[in-house]
């Protein structure tokens, strides 16, 4: 299982795989279970509302679900927030929550900056 952050989801959606490292591209192609946190949906909605992206989150997820099998993690949000409180490598609240989803599931986490193991 691999968790994807918002940038990775967007790059896959718009066909900009070249922004991903070769390692990340290869791992995504080989992995059968690609997941993102529900926080990615919220961040995409925020980006849509401020005009940074043109499609709503539901359109993006419907497309990626069909094309690459992307699903949204249904983990309990309270436990995610508890875990996010201990993540100190970023101050971005979205990134903390997204990383917390991955660490609770002991999954790899792919970001704009590369990959992190939980």
PDB file of N, CA and C in Angstrom:
ATOM      1  N   UNK A   1       0.841  -1.173   0.000  1.00  0.00           N
ATOM      2  CA  UNK A   1       0.000   0.000   0.000  1.00  0.00           C
ATOM      3  C   UNK A   1       0.888   1.240   0.000  1.00  0.00           C
ATOM      4  N   UNK A   2       0.534   2.188  -0.858  1.00  0.00           N
ATOM      5  CA  UNK A   2       1.266   3.448  -0.938  1.00  0.00           C
ATOM      6  C   UNK A   2       0.280   4.601  -0.791  1.00  0.00           C
ATOM      7  N   UNK A   3       0.607   5.518   0.106  1.00  0.00           N
ATOM      8  CA  UNK A   3      -0.182   6.736   0.279  1.00  0.00           C
ATOM      9  C   UNK A   3       0.391   7.834  -0.610  1.00  0.00           C
ATOM     10  N   UNK A   4      -0.493   8.581  -1.247  1.00  0.00           N
ATOM     11  CA  UNK A   4      -0.083   9.674  -2.122  1.00  0.00           C
ATOM     12  C   UNK A   4      -0.523  11.003  -1.521  1.00  0.00           C
ATOM     13  N   UNK A   5       0.340  12.005  -1.606  1.00  0.00           N
ATOM     14  CA  UNK A   5      -0.062  13.319  -1.116  1.00  0.00           C
ATOM     15  C   UNK A   5      -0.742  14.102  -2.233  1.00  0.00           C
ATOM     16  N   UNK A   6      -1.169  15.302  -1.919  1.00  0.00           N
ATOM     17  CA  UNK A   6      -1.969  16.105  -2.842  1.00  0.00           C
ATOM     18  C   UNK A   6      -1.234  16.407  -4.141  1.00  0.00           C
ATOM     19  N   UNK A   7       0.039  16.787  -4.059  1.00  0.00           N
ATOM     20  CA  UNK A   7       0.795  17.082  -5.284  1.00  0.00           C
ATOM     21  C   UNK A   7       0.869  15.864  -6.194  1.00  0.00           C
ATOM     22  N   UNK A   8       1.161  14.719  -5.620  1.00  0.00           N
ATOM     23  CA  UNK A   8       1.284  13.500  -6.424  1.00  0.00           C
ATOM     24  C   UNK A   8      -0.055  13.176  -7.085  1.00  0.00           C
ATOM     25  N   UNK A   9      -1.137  13.295  -6.341  1.00  0.00           N
ATOM     26  CA  UNK A   9      -2.471  13.051  -6.905  1.00  0.00           C
ATOM     27  C   UNK A   9      -2.728  13.992  -8.080  1.00  0.00           C
ATOM     28  N   UNK A  10      -2.434  15.260  -7.905  1.00  0.00           N
ATOM     29  CA  UNK A  10      -2.652  16.227  -8.990  1.00  0.00           C
ATOM     30  C   UNK A  10      -1.782  15.929 -10.204  1.00  0.00           C
ATOM     31  N   UNK A  11      -0.511  15.624  -9.984  1.00  0.00           N
ATOM     32  CA  UNK A  11       0.374  15.330 -11.114  1.00  0.00           C
ATOM     33  C   UNK A  11      -0.095  14.102 -11.881  1.00  0.00           C
ATOM     34  N   UNK A  12      -0.561  13.092 -11.178  1.00  0.00           N
ATOM     35  CA  UNK A  12      -1.086  11.910 -11.858  1.00  0.00           C
ATOM     36  C   UNK A  12      -2.348  12.266 -12.639  1.00  0.00           C
ATOM     37  N   UNK A  13      -3.182  13.097 -12.066  1.00  0.00           N
ATOM     38  CA  UNK A  13      -4.438  13.488 -12.712  1.00  0.00           C
ATOM     39  C   UNK A  13      -4.186  14.253 -14.008  1.00  0.00           C
ATOM     40  N   UNK A  14      -3.251  15.193 -13.982  1.00  0.00           N
ATOM     41  CA  UNK A  14      -3.011  16.023 -15.172  1.00  0.00           C
ATOM     42  C   UNK A  14      -1.956  15.433 -16.107  1.00  0.00           C
ATOM     43  N   UNK A  15      -1.464  14.242 -15.788  1.00  0.00           N
ATOM     44  CA  UNK A  15      -0.509  13.580 -16.674  1.00  0.00           C
ATOM     45  C   UNK A  15       0.904  14.117 -16.583  1.00  0.00           C
ATOM     46  N   UNK A  16       1.288  14.655 -15.446  1.00  0.00           N
ATOM     47  CA  UNK A  16       2.643  15.187 -15.272  1.00  0.00           C
ATOM     48  C   UNK A  16       3.504  14.233 -14.442  1.00  0.00           C
ATOM     49  N   UNK A  17       3.538  12.981 -14.855  1.00  0.00           N
ATOM     50  CA  UNK A  17       4.350  11.976 -14.155  1.00  0.00           C
ATOM     51  C   UNK A  17       5.829  12.343 -14.158  1.00  0.00           C
ATOM     52  N   UNK A  18       6.237  13.142 -15.130  1.00  0.00           N
ATOM     53  CA  UNK A  18       7.647  13.545 -15.215  1.00  0.00           C
ATOM     54  C   UNK A  18       8.089  14.354 -13.992  1.00  0.00           C
ATOM     55  N   UNK A  19       7.153  14.878 -13.217  1.00  0.00           N
ATOM     56  CA  UNK A  19       7.507  15.604 -11.995  1.00  0.00           C
ATOM     57  C   UNK A  19       7.834  14.654 -10.848  1.00  0.00           C
ATOM     58  N   UNK A  20       7.520  13.376 -11.031  1.00  0.00           N
ATOM     59  CA  UNK A  20       7.815  12.361 -10.022  1.00  0.00           C
ATOM     60  C   UNK A  20       9.178  11.750 -10.304  1.00  0.00           C
ATOM     61  N   UNK A  21       9.875  11.368  -9.263  1.00  0.00           N
ATOM     62  CA  UNK A  21      11.161  10.690  -9.466  1.00  0.00           C
ATOM     63  C   UNK A  21      10.910   9.348 -10.151  1.00  0.00           C
ATOM     64  N   UNK A  22      11.950   8.810 -10.767  1.00  0.00           N
ATOM     65  CA  UNK A  22      11.823   7.497 -11.411  1.00  0.00           C
ATOM     66  C   UNK A  22      11.429   6.435 -10.390  1.00  0.00           C
ATOM     67  N   UNK A  23      11.980   6.534  -9.186  1.00  0.00           N
ATOM     68  CA  UNK A  23      11.646   5.582  -8.129  1.00  0.00           C
ATOM     69  C   UNK A  23      10.153   5.619  -7.818  1.00  0.00           C
ATOM     70  N   UNK A  24       9.607   6.827  -7.648  1.00  0.00           N
ATOM     71  CA  UNK A  24       8.186   6.969  -7.323  1.00  0.00           C
ATOM     72  C   UNK A  24       7.325   6.485  -8.488  1.00  0.00           C
ATOM     73  N   UNK A  25       7.676   6.852  -9.704  1.00  0.00           N
ATOM     74  CA  UNK A  25       6.915   6.393 -10.868  1.00  0.00           C
ATOM     75  C   UNK A  25       6.875   4.872 -10.929  1.00  0.00           C
ATOM     76  N   UNK A  26       8.024   4.254 -10.738  1.00  0.00           N
ATOM     77  CA  UNK A  26       8.113   2.795 -10.786  1.00  0.00           C
ATOM     78  C   UNK A  26       7.293   2.151  -9.673  1.00  0.00           C
ATOM     79  N   UNK A  27       7.393   2.683  -8.474  1.00  0.00           N
ATOM     80  CA  UNK A  27       6.651   2.123  -7.339  1.00  0.00           C
ATOM     81  C   UNK A  27       5.150   2.225  -7.561  1.00  0.00           C
ATOM     82  N   UNK A  28       4.695   3.348  -8.099  1.00  0.00           N
ATOM     83  CA  UNK A  28       3.267   3.528  -8.362  1.00  0.00           C
ATOM     84  C   UNK A  28       2.789   2.535  -9.413  1.00  0.00           C
ATOM     85  N   UNK A  29       3.587   2.321 -10.441  1.00  0.00           N
ATOM     86  CA  UNK A  29       3.211   1.374 -11.491  1.00  0.00           C
ATOM     87  C   UNK A  29       3.142  -0.057 -10.970  1.00  0.00           C
ATOM     88  N   UNK A  30       4.005  -0.396 -10.014  1.00  0.00           N
ATOM     89  CA  UNK A  30       4.063  -1.764  -9.494  1.00  0.00           C
ATOM     90  C   UNK A  30       3.075  -2.022  -8.360  1.00  0.00           C
ATOM     91  N   UNK A  31       2.656  -0.986  -7.654  1.00  0.00           N
ATOM     92  CA  UNK A  31       1.788  -1.147  -6.482  1.00  0.00           C
ATOM     93  C   UNK A  31       0.332  -1.331  -6.902  1.00  0.00           C
ATOM     94  N   UNK A  32      -0.329  -2.301  -6.291  1.00  0.00           N
ATOM     95  CA  UNK A  32      -1.730  -2.546  -6.624  1.00  0.00           C
ATOM     96  C   UNK A  32      -2.691  -1.767  -5.730  1.00  0.00           C
ATOM     97  N   UNK A  33      -2.192  -1.214  -4.630  1.00  0.00           N
ATOM     98  CA  UNK A  33      -3.070  -0.495  -3.714  1.00  0.00           C
ATOM     99  C   UNK A  33      -2.554   0.922  -3.485  1.00  0.00           C
ATOM    100  N   UNK A  34      -3.134   1.876  -4.215  1.00  0.00           N
ATOM    101  CA  UNK A  34      -2.786   3.285  -4.076  1.00  0.00           C
ATOM    102  C   UNK A  34      -3.895   3.973  -3.295  1.00  0.00           C
ATOM    103  N   UNK A  35      -3.491   4.700  -2.258  1.00  0.00           N
ATOM    104  CA  UNK A  35      -4.445   5.269  -1.315  1.00  0.00           C
ATOM    105  C   UNK A  35      -4.063   6.717  -1.028  1.00  0.00           C
ATOM    106  N   UNK A  36      -5.046   7.514  -0.663  1.00  0.00           N
ATOM    107  CA  UNK A  36      -4.754   8.838  -0.121  1.00  0.00           C
ATOM    108  C   UNK A  36      -5.703   9.093   1.037  1.00  0.00           C
ATOM    109  N   UNK A  37      -5.347  10.029   1.860  1.00  0.00           N
ATOM    110  CA  UNK A  37      -6.187  10.353   3.010  1.00  0.00           C
ATOM    111  C   UNK A  37      -7.341  11.235   2.557  1.00  0.00           C
ATOM    112  N   UNK A  38      -8.395  11.252   3.341  1.00  0.00           N
ATOM    113  CA  UNK A  38      -9.534  12.117   3.035  1.00  0.00           C
ATOM    114  C   UNK A  38      -9.136  13.590   3.109  1.00  0.00           C
ATOM    115  N   UNK A  39      -8.042  13.877   3.784  1.00  0.00           N
ATOM    116  CA  UNK A  39      -7.543  15.250   3.863  1.00  0.00           C
ATOM    117  C   UNK A  39      -7.120  15.748   2.483  1.00  0.00           C
ATOM    118  N   UNK A  40      -6.664  14.849   1.620  1.00  0.00           N
ATOM    119  CA  UNK A  40      -6.310  15.248   0.255  1.00  0.00           C
ATOM    120  C   UNK A  40      -7.547  15.816  -0.442  1.00  0.00           C
ATOM    121  N   UNK A  41      -8.694  15.203  -0.231  1.00  0.00           N
ATOM    122  CA  UNK A  41      -9.946  15.735  -0.810  1.00  0.00           C
ATOM    123  C   UNK A  41     -10.192  17.159  -0.323  1.00  0.00           C
ATOM    124  N   UNK A  42     -10.002  17.374   0.976  1.00  0.00           N
ATOM    125  CA  UNK A  42     -10.219  18.705   1.540  1.00  0.00           C
ATOM    126  C   UNK A  42      -9.232  19.719   0.961  1.00  0.00           C
ATOM    127  N   UNK A  43      -7.968  19.324   0.854  1.00  0.00           N
ATOM    128  CA  UNK A  43      -6.976  20.243   0.295  1.00  0.00           C
ATOM    129  C   UNK A  43      -7.280  20.546  -1.170  1.00  0.00           C
ATOM    130  N   UNK A  44      -7.726  19.547  -1.928  1.00  0.00           N
ATOM    131  CA  UNK A  44      -8.105  19.786  -3.322  1.00  0.00           C
ATOM    132  C   UNK A  44      -9.295  20.744  -3.416  1.00  0.00           C
ATOM    133  N   UNK A  45     -10.248  20.610  -2.506  1.00  0.00           N
ATOM    134  CA  UNK A  45     -11.389  21.529  -2.494  1.00  0.00           C
ATOM    135  C   UNK A  45     -10.913  22.957  -2.225  1.00  0.00           C
ATOM    136  N   UNK A  46      -9.999  23.094  -1.283  1.00  0.00           N
ATOM    137  CA  UNK A  46      -9.413  24.403  -0.982  1.00  0.00           C
ATOM    138  C   UNK A  46      -8.731  24.979  -2.233  1.00  0.00           C
ATOM    139  N   UNK A  47      -7.932  24.164  -2.910  1.00  0.00           N
ATOM    140  CA  UNK A  47      -7.245  24.625  -4.118  1.00  0.00           C
ATOM    141  C   UNK A  47      -8.238  25.005  -5.213  1.00  0.00           C
ATOM    142  N   UNK A  48      -9.334  24.271  -5.310  1.00  0.00           N
ATOM    143  CA  UNK A  48     -10.381  24.585  -6.279  1.00  0.00           C
ATOM    144  C   UNK A  48     -11.028  25.934  -5.941  1.00  0.00           C
ATOM    145  N   UNK A  49     -11.344  26.133  -4.668  1.00  0.00           N
ATOM    146  CA  UNK A  49     -12.018  27.358  -4.239  1.00  0.00           C
ATOM    147  C   UNK A  49     -11.166  28.606  -4.436  1.00  0.00           C
ATOM    148  N   UNK A  50      -9.855  28.477  -4.331  1.00  0.00           N
ATOM    149  CA  UNK A  50      -8.992  29.654  -4.532  1.00  0.00           C
ATOM    150  C   UNK A  50      -8.507  29.772  -5.981  1.00  0.00           C
ATOM    151  N   UNK A  51      -8.997  28.889  -6.849  1.00  0.00           N
ATOM    152  CA  UNK A  51      -8.687  28.979  -8.269  1.00  0.00           C
ATOM    153  C   UNK A  51      -7.364  28.384  -8.706  1.00  0.00           C
ATOM    154  N   UNK A  52      -6.726  27.590  -7.858  1.00  0.00           N
ATOM    155  CA  UNK A  52      -5.437  26.978  -8.230  1.00  0.00           C
ATOM    156  C   UNK A  52      -5.618  25.743  -9.105  1.00  0.00           C
ATOM    157  N   UNK A  53      -6.781  25.084  -9.009  1.00  0.00           N
ATOM    158  CA  UNK A  53      -7.104  23.966  -9.896  1.00  0.00           C
ATOM    159  C   UNK A  53      -8.505  24.202 -10.459  1.00  0.00           C
ATOM    160  N   UNK A  54      -8.799  23.559 -11.594  1.00  0.00           N
ATOM    161  CA  UNK A  54     -10.074  23.825 -12.274  1.00  0.00           C
ATOM    162  C   UNK A  54     -11.120  22.735 -12.082  1.00  0.00           C
ATOM    163  N   UNK A  55     -10.728  21.579 -11.578  1.00  0.00           N
ATOM    164  CA  UNK A  55     -11.686  20.491 -11.377  1.00  0.00           C
ATOM    165  C   UNK A  55     -11.914  20.253  -9.892  1.00  0.00           C
ATOM    166  N   UNK A  56     -13.142  19.879  -9.565  1.00  0.00           N
ATOM    167  CA  UNK A  56     -13.488  19.580  -8.173  1.00  0.00           C
ATOM    168  C   UNK A  56     -12.887  18.236  -7.758  1.00  0.00           C
ATOM    169  N   UNK A  57     -12.693  18.050  -6.457  1.00  0.00           N
ATOM    170  CA  UNK A  57     -12.094  16.806  -5.960  1.00  0.00           C
ATOM    171  C   UNK A  57     -12.817  15.540  -6.417  1.00  0.00           C
ATOM    172  N   UNK A  58     -14.141  15.560  -6.449  1.00  0.00           N
ATOM    173  CA  UNK A  58     -14.871  14.355  -6.845  1.00  0.00           C
ATOM    174  C   UNK A  58     -14.582  13.956  -8.287  1.00  0.00           C
ATOM    175  N   UNK A  59     -14.376  14.931  -9.157  1.00  0.00           N
ATOM    176  CA  UNK A  59     -14.021  14.653 -10.552  1.00  0.00           C
ATOM    177  C   UNK A  59     -12.633  14.020 -10.611  1.00  0.00           C
ATOM    178  N   UNK A  60     -11.700  14.591  -9.866  1.00  0.00           N
ATOM    179  CA  UNK A  60     -10.325  14.087  -9.837  1.00  0.00           C
ATOM    180  C   UNK A  60     -10.289  12.655  -9.311  1.00  0.00           C
ATOM    181  N   UNK A  61     -10.990  12.405  -8.198  1.00  0.00           N
ATOM    182  CA  UNK A  61     -10.970  11.064  -7.610  1.00  0.00           C
ATOM    183  C   UNK A  61     -11.685  10.034  -8.467  1.00  0.00           C
ATOM    184  N   UNK A  62     -12.772  10.415  -9.102  1.00  0.00           N
ATOM    185  CA  UNK A  62     -13.467   9.475  -9.984  1.00  0.00           C
ATOM    186  C   UNK A  62     -12.547   9.049 -11.125  1.00  0.00           C
ATOM    187  N   UNK A  63     -11.830  10.015 -11.694  1.00  0.00           N
ATOM    188  CA  UNK A  63     -10.914   9.720 -12.792  1.00  0.00           C
ATOM    189  C   UNK A  63      -9.768   8.817 -12.334  1.00  0.00           C
ATOM    190  N   UNK A  64      -9.112   9.180 -11.235  1.00  0.00           N
ATOM    191  CA  UNK A  64      -7.960   8.397 -10.773  1.00  0.00           C
ATOM    192  C   UNK A  64      -8.373   7.040 -10.215  1.00  0.00           C
ATOM    193  N   UNK A  65      -9.551   6.948  -9.679  1.00  0.00           N
ATOM    194  CA  UNK A  65     -10.049   5.651  -9.218  1.00  0.00           C
ATOM    195  C   UNK A  65     -10.164   4.695 -10.397  1.00  0.00           C
ATOM    196  N   UNK A  66     -10.681   5.195 -11.484  1.00  0.00           N
ATOM    197  CA  UNK A  66     -10.839   4.353 -12.672  1.00  0.00           C
ATOM    198  C   UNK A  66      -9.497   4.071 -13.355  1.00  0.00           C
ATOM    199  N   UNK A  67      -8.650   5.081 -13.474  1.00  0.00           N
ATOM    200  CA  UNK A  67      -7.386   4.913 -14.198  1.00  0.00           C
ATOM    201  C   UNK A  67      -6.331   4.134 -13.437  1.00  0.00           C
ATOM    202  N   UNK A  68      -6.158   4.422 -12.138  1.00  0.00           N
ATOM    203  CA  UNK A  68      -5.063   3.780 -11.395  1.00  0.00           C
ATOM    204  C   UNK A  68      -5.528   3.061 -10.129  1.00  0.00           C
ATOM    205  N   UNK A  69      -6.834   3.033  -9.899  1.00  0.00           N
ATOM    206  CA  UNK A  69      -7.353   2.332  -8.728  1.00  0.00           C
ATOM    207  C   UNK A  69      -7.170   3.079  -7.420  1.00  0.00           C
ATOM    208  N   UNK A  70      -7.013   4.398  -7.474  1.00  0.00           N
ATOM    209  CA  UNK A  70      -6.824   5.191  -6.256  1.00  0.00           C
ATOM    210  C   UNK A  70      -8.064   5.107  -5.372  1.00  0.00           C
ATOM    211  N   UNK A  71      -7.843   4.888  -4.083  1.00  0.00           N
ATOM    212  CA  UNK A  71      -8.957   4.877  -3.133  1.00  0.00           C
ATOM    213  C   UNK A  71      -8.653   5.824  -1.978  1.00  0.00           C
ATOM    214  N   UNK A  72      -9.684   6.134  -1.216  1.00  0.00           N
ATOM    215  CA  UNK A  72      -9.549   7.033  -0.072  1.00  0.00           C
ATOM    216  C   UNK A  72      -9.603   6.207   1.203  1.00  0.00           C
ATOM    217  N   UNK A  73      -8.632   6.418   2.071  1.00  0.00           N
ATOM    218  CA  UNK A  73      -8.555   5.700   3.340  1.00  0.00           C
ATOM    219  C   UNK A  73      -9.734   6.084   4.231  1.00  0.00           C
ATOM    220  N   UNK A  74     -10.309   5.101   4.884  1.00  0.00           N
ATOM    221  CA  UNK A  74     -11.470   5.327   5.753  1.00  0.00           C
ATOM    222  C   UNK A  74     -11.111   5.251   7.236  1.00  0.00           C
ATOM    223  N   UNK A  75      -9.849   5.384   7.559  1.00  0.00           N
ATOM    224  CA  UNK A  75      -9.383   5.283   8.947  1.00  0.00           C
ATOM    225  C   UNK A  75     -10.037   6.348   9.830  1.00  0.00           C
ATOM    226  N   UNK A  76     -10.259   6.012  11.103  1.00  0.00           N
ATOM    227  CA  UNK A  76     -10.854   6.918  12.079  1.00  0.00           C
ATOM    228  C   UNK A  76     -10.055   8.215  12.183  1.00  0.00           C
ATOM    229  N   UNK A  77     -10.740   9.349  12.039  1.00  0.00           N
ATOM    230  CA  UNK A  77     -10.046  10.631  11.994  1.00  0.00           C
ATOM    231  C   UNK A  77      -9.409  11.017  13.330  1.00  0.00           C
ATOM    232  N   UNK A  78     -10.024  10.652  14.439  1.00  0.00           N
ATOM    233  CA  UNK A  78      -9.450  10.981  15.746  1.00  0.00           C
ATOM    234  C   UNK A  78      -8.070  10.389  15.933  1.00  0.00           C
ATOM    235  N   UNK A  79      -7.888   9.143  15.514  1.00  0.00           N
ATOM    236  CA  UNK A  79      -6.577   8.505  15.643  1.00  0.00           C
ATOM    237  C   UNK A  79      -5.556   9.155  14.712  1.00  0.00           C
ATOM    238  N   UNK A  80      -6.023   9.665  13.584  1.00  0.00           N
ATOM    239  CA  UNK A  80      -5.137  10.345  12.640  1.00  0.00           C
ATOM    240  C   UNK A  80      -4.621  11.646  13.268  1.00  0.00           C
ATOM    241  N   UNK A  81      -5.518  12.403  13.869  1.00  0.00           N
ATOM    242  CA  UNK A  81      -5.113  13.658  14.505  1.00  0.00           C
ATOM    243  C   UNK A  81      -4.140  13.379  15.646  1.00  0.00           C
ATOM    244  N   UNK A  82      -4.422  12.351  16.449  1.00  0.00           N
ATOM    245  CA  UNK A  82      -3.503  11.991  17.535  1.00  0.00           C
ATOM    246  C   UNK A  82      -2.102  11.733  17.000  1.00  0.00           C
ATOM    247  N   UNK A  83      -2.003  10.990  15.915  1.00  0.00           N
ATOM    248  CA  UNK A  83      -0.696  10.676  15.322  1.00  0.00           C
ATOM    249  C   UNK A  83      -0.052  11.929  14.737  1.00  0.00           C
ATOM    250  N   UNK A  84      -0.852  12.781  14.096  1.00  0.00           N
ATOM    251  CA  UNK A  84      -0.330  13.995  13.458  1.00  0.00           C
ATOM    252  C   UNK A  84       0.320  14.933  14.468  1.00  0.00           C
ATOM    253  N   UNK A  85      -0.134  14.892  15.702  1.00  0.00           N
ATOM    254  CA  UNK A  85       0.437  15.758  16.734  1.00  0.00           C
ATOM    255  C   UNK A  85       1.916  15.474  16.979  1.00  0.00           C
ATOM    256  N   UNK A  86       2.352  14.260  16.685  1.00  0.00           N
ATOM    257  CA  UNK A  86       3.755  13.901  16.937  1.00  0.00           C
ATOM    258  C   UNK A  86       4.652  14.061  15.709  1.00  0.00           C
ATOM    259  N   UNK A  87       4.094  14.464  14.594  1.00  0.00           N
ATOM    260  CA  UNK A  87       4.892  14.648  13.373  1.00  0.00           C
ATOM    261  C   UNK A  87       5.474  16.057  13.382  1.00  0.00           C
ATOM    262  N   UNK A  88       6.806  16.132  13.342  1.00  0.00           N
ATOM    263  CA  UNK A  88       7.442  17.446  13.471  1.00  0.00           C
ATOM    264  C   UNK A  88       8.269  17.861  12.257  1.00  0.00           C
ATOM    265  N   UNK A  89       8.345  17.020  11.218  1.00  0.00           N
ATOM    266  CA  UNK A  89       9.178  17.375  10.076  1.00  0.00           C
ATOM    267  C   UNK A  89       8.510  18.390   9.154  1.00  0.00           C
ATOM    268  N   UNK A  90       7.232  18.719   9.405  1.00  0.00           N
ATOM    269  CA  UNK A  90       6.544  19.747   8.630  1.00  0.00           C
ATOM    270  C   UNK A  90       5.617  20.537   9.539  1.00  0.00           C
ATOM    271  N   UNK A  91       5.390  21.770   9.198  1.00  0.00           N
ATOM    272  CA  UNK A  91       4.439  22.604   9.936  1.00  0.00           C
ATOM    273  C   UNK A  91       3.098  22.686   9.199  1.00  0.00           C
ATOM    274  N   UNK A  92       3.046  22.210   7.963  1.00  0.00           N
ATOM    275  CA  UNK A  92       1.821  22.256   7.165  1.00  0.00           C
ATOM    276  C   UNK A  92       0.803  21.256   7.716  1.00  0.00           C
ATOM    277  N   UNK A  93      -0.361  21.755   8.121  1.00  0.00           N
ATOM    278  CA  UNK A  93      -1.358  20.887   8.752  1.00  0.00           C
ATOM    279  C   UNK A  93      -1.852  19.799   7.801  1.00  0.00           C
ATOM    280  N   UNK A  94      -2.018  20.125   6.517  1.00  0.00           N
ATOM    281  CA  UNK A  94      -2.439  19.112   5.554  1.00  0.00           C
ATOM    282  C   UNK A  94      -1.398  17.997   5.475  1.00  0.00           C
ATOM    283  N   UNK A  95      -0.126  18.374   5.350  1.00  0.00           N
ATOM    284  CA  UNK A  95       0.941  17.374   5.245  1.00  0.00           C
ATOM    285  C   UNK A  95       1.033  16.509   6.496  1.00  0.00           C
ATOM    286  N   UNK A  96       0.865  17.120   7.649  1.00  0.00           N
ATOM    287  CA  UNK A  96       0.908  16.344   8.899  1.00  0.00           C
ATOM    288  C   UNK A  96      -0.193  15.285   8.925  1.00  0.00           C
ATOM    289  N   UNK A  97      -1.394  15.684   8.552  1.00  0.00           N
ATOM    290  CA  UNK A  97      -2.517  14.740   8.578  1.00  0.00           C
ATOM    291  C   UNK A  97      -2.356  13.644   7.527  1.00  0.00           C
ATOM    292  N   UNK A  98      -1.911  14.022   6.343  1.00  0.00           N
ATOM    293  CA  UNK A  98      -1.703  13.032   5.283  1.00  0.00           C
ATOM    294  C   UNK A  98      -0.627  12.034   5.699  1.00  0.00           C
ATOM    295  N   UNK A  99       0.468  12.528   6.260  1.00  0.00           N
ATOM    296  CA  UNK A  99       1.536  11.638   6.730  1.00  0.00           C
ATOM    297  C   UNK A  99       1.050  10.745   7.864  1.00  0.00           C
ATOM    298  N   UNK A 100       0.204  11.272   8.726  1.00  0.00           N
ATOM    299  CA  UNK A 100      -0.326  10.479   9.838  1.00  0.00           C
ATOM    300  C   UNK A 100      -1.143   9.292   9.336  1.00  0.00           C
ATOM    301  N   UNK A 101      -1.939   9.492   8.290  1.00  0.00           N
ATOM    302  CA  UNK A 101      -2.691   8.380   7.700  1.00  0.00           C
ATOM    303  C   UNK A 101      -1.735   7.260   7.305  1.00  0.00           C
ATOM    304  N   UNK A 102      -0.650   7.636   6.632  1.00  0.00           N
ATOM    305  CA  UNK A 102       0.305   6.631   6.158  1.00  0.00           C
ATOM    306  C   UNK A 102       1.023   5.940   7.308  1.00  0.00           C
ATOM    307  N   UNK A 103       1.436   6.692   8.320  1.00  0.00           N
ATOM    308  CA  UNK A 103       2.199   6.074   9.404  1.00  0.00           C
ATOM    309  C   UNK A 103       1.346   5.118  10.224  1.00  0.00           C
ATOM    310  N   UNK A 104       0.092   5.448  10.414  1.00  0.00           N
ATOM    311  CA  UNK A 104      -0.790   4.536  11.152  1.00  0.00           C
ATOM    312  C   UNK A 104      -0.935   3.212  10.415  1.00  0.00           C
ATOM    313  N   UNK A 105      -0.950   3.271   9.093  1.00  0.00           N
ATOM    314  CA  UNK A 105      -1.077   2.051   8.291  1.00  0.00           C
ATOM    315  C   UNK A 105       0.279   1.426   7.966  1.00  0.00           C
ATOM    316  N   UNK A 106       1.362   2.040   8.462  1.00  0.00           N
ATOM    317  CA  UNK A 106       2.730   1.570   8.194  1.00  0.00           C
ATOM    318  C   UNK A 106       2.982   1.406   6.688  1.00  0.00           C
ATOM    319  N   UNK A 107       2.594   2.430   5.957  1.00  0.00           N
ATOM    320  CA  UNK A 107       2.704   2.410   4.500  1.00  0.00           C
ATOM    321  C   UNK A 107       3.738   3.414   4.030  1.00  0.00           C
ATOM    322  N   UNK A 108       4.196   3.232   2.806  1.00  0.00           N
ATOM    323  CA  UNK A 108       5.054   4.236   2.180  1.00  0.00           C
ATOM    324  C   UNK A 108       4.195   5.460   1.902  1.00  0.00           C
ATOM    325  N   UNK A 109       4.852   6.606   1.881  1.00  0.00           N
ATOM    326  CA  UNK A 109       4.165   7.873   1.686  1.00  0.00           C
ATOM    327  C   UNK A 109       4.936   8.659   0.642  1.00  0.00           C
ATOM    328  N   UNK A 110       4.298   8.966  -0.489  1.00  0.00           N
ATOM    329  CA  UNK A 110       4.957   9.688  -1.569  1.00  0.00           C
ATOM    330  C   UNK A 110       4.478  11.133  -1.605  1.00  0.00           C
ATOM    331  N   UNK A 111       5.461  12.026  -1.601  1.00  0.00           N
ATOM    332  CA  UNK A 111       5.193  13.461  -1.584  1.00  0.00           C
ATOM    333  C   UNK A 111       5.877  14.131  -2.761  1.00  0.00           C
ATOM    334  N   UNK A 112       5.645  15.418  -2.878  1.00  0.00           N
ATOM    335  CA  UNK A 112       6.325  16.229  -3.884  1.00  0.00           C
ATOM    336  C   UNK A 112       7.835  16.137  -3.700  1.00  0.00           C
ATOM    337  N   UNK A 113       8.281  16.022  -2.465  1.00  0.00           N
ATOM    338  CA  UNK A 113       9.711  15.987  -2.165  1.00  0.00           C
ATOM    339  C   UNK A 113      10.325  14.597  -2.330  1.00  0.00           C
ATOM    340  N   UNK A 114       9.523  13.567  -2.477  1.00  0.00           N
ATOM    341  CA  UNK A 114      10.045  12.206  -2.604  1.00  0.00           C
ATOM    342  C   UNK A 114       9.220  11.235  -1.797  1.00  0.00           C
ATOM    343  N   UNK A 115       9.875  10.243  -1.226  1.00  0.00           N
ATOM    344  CA  UNK A 115       9.136   9.228  -0.477  1.00  0.00           C
ATOM    345  C   UNK A 115       9.612   9.197   0.965  1.00  0.00           C
ATOM    346  N   UNK A 116       8.708   8.745   1.822  1.00  0.00           N
ATOM    347  CA  UNK A 116       9.023   8.581   3.238  1.00  0.00           C
ATOM    348  C   UNK A 116       8.477   7.230   3.654  1.00  0.00           C
ATOM    349  N   UNK A 117       9.222   6.520   4.473  1.00  0.00           N
ATOM    350  CA  UNK A 117       8.710   5.279   5.044  1.00  0.00           C
ATOM    351  C   UNK A 117       8.117   5.601   6.395  1.00  0.00           C
ATOM    352  N   UNK A 118       6.999   4.951   6.701  1.00  0.00           N
ATOM    353  CA  UNK A 118       6.363   5.219   7.986  1.00  0.00           C
ATOM    354  C   UNK A 118       6.939   4.365   9.068  1.00  0.00           C
TER     355      UNK A 118
END
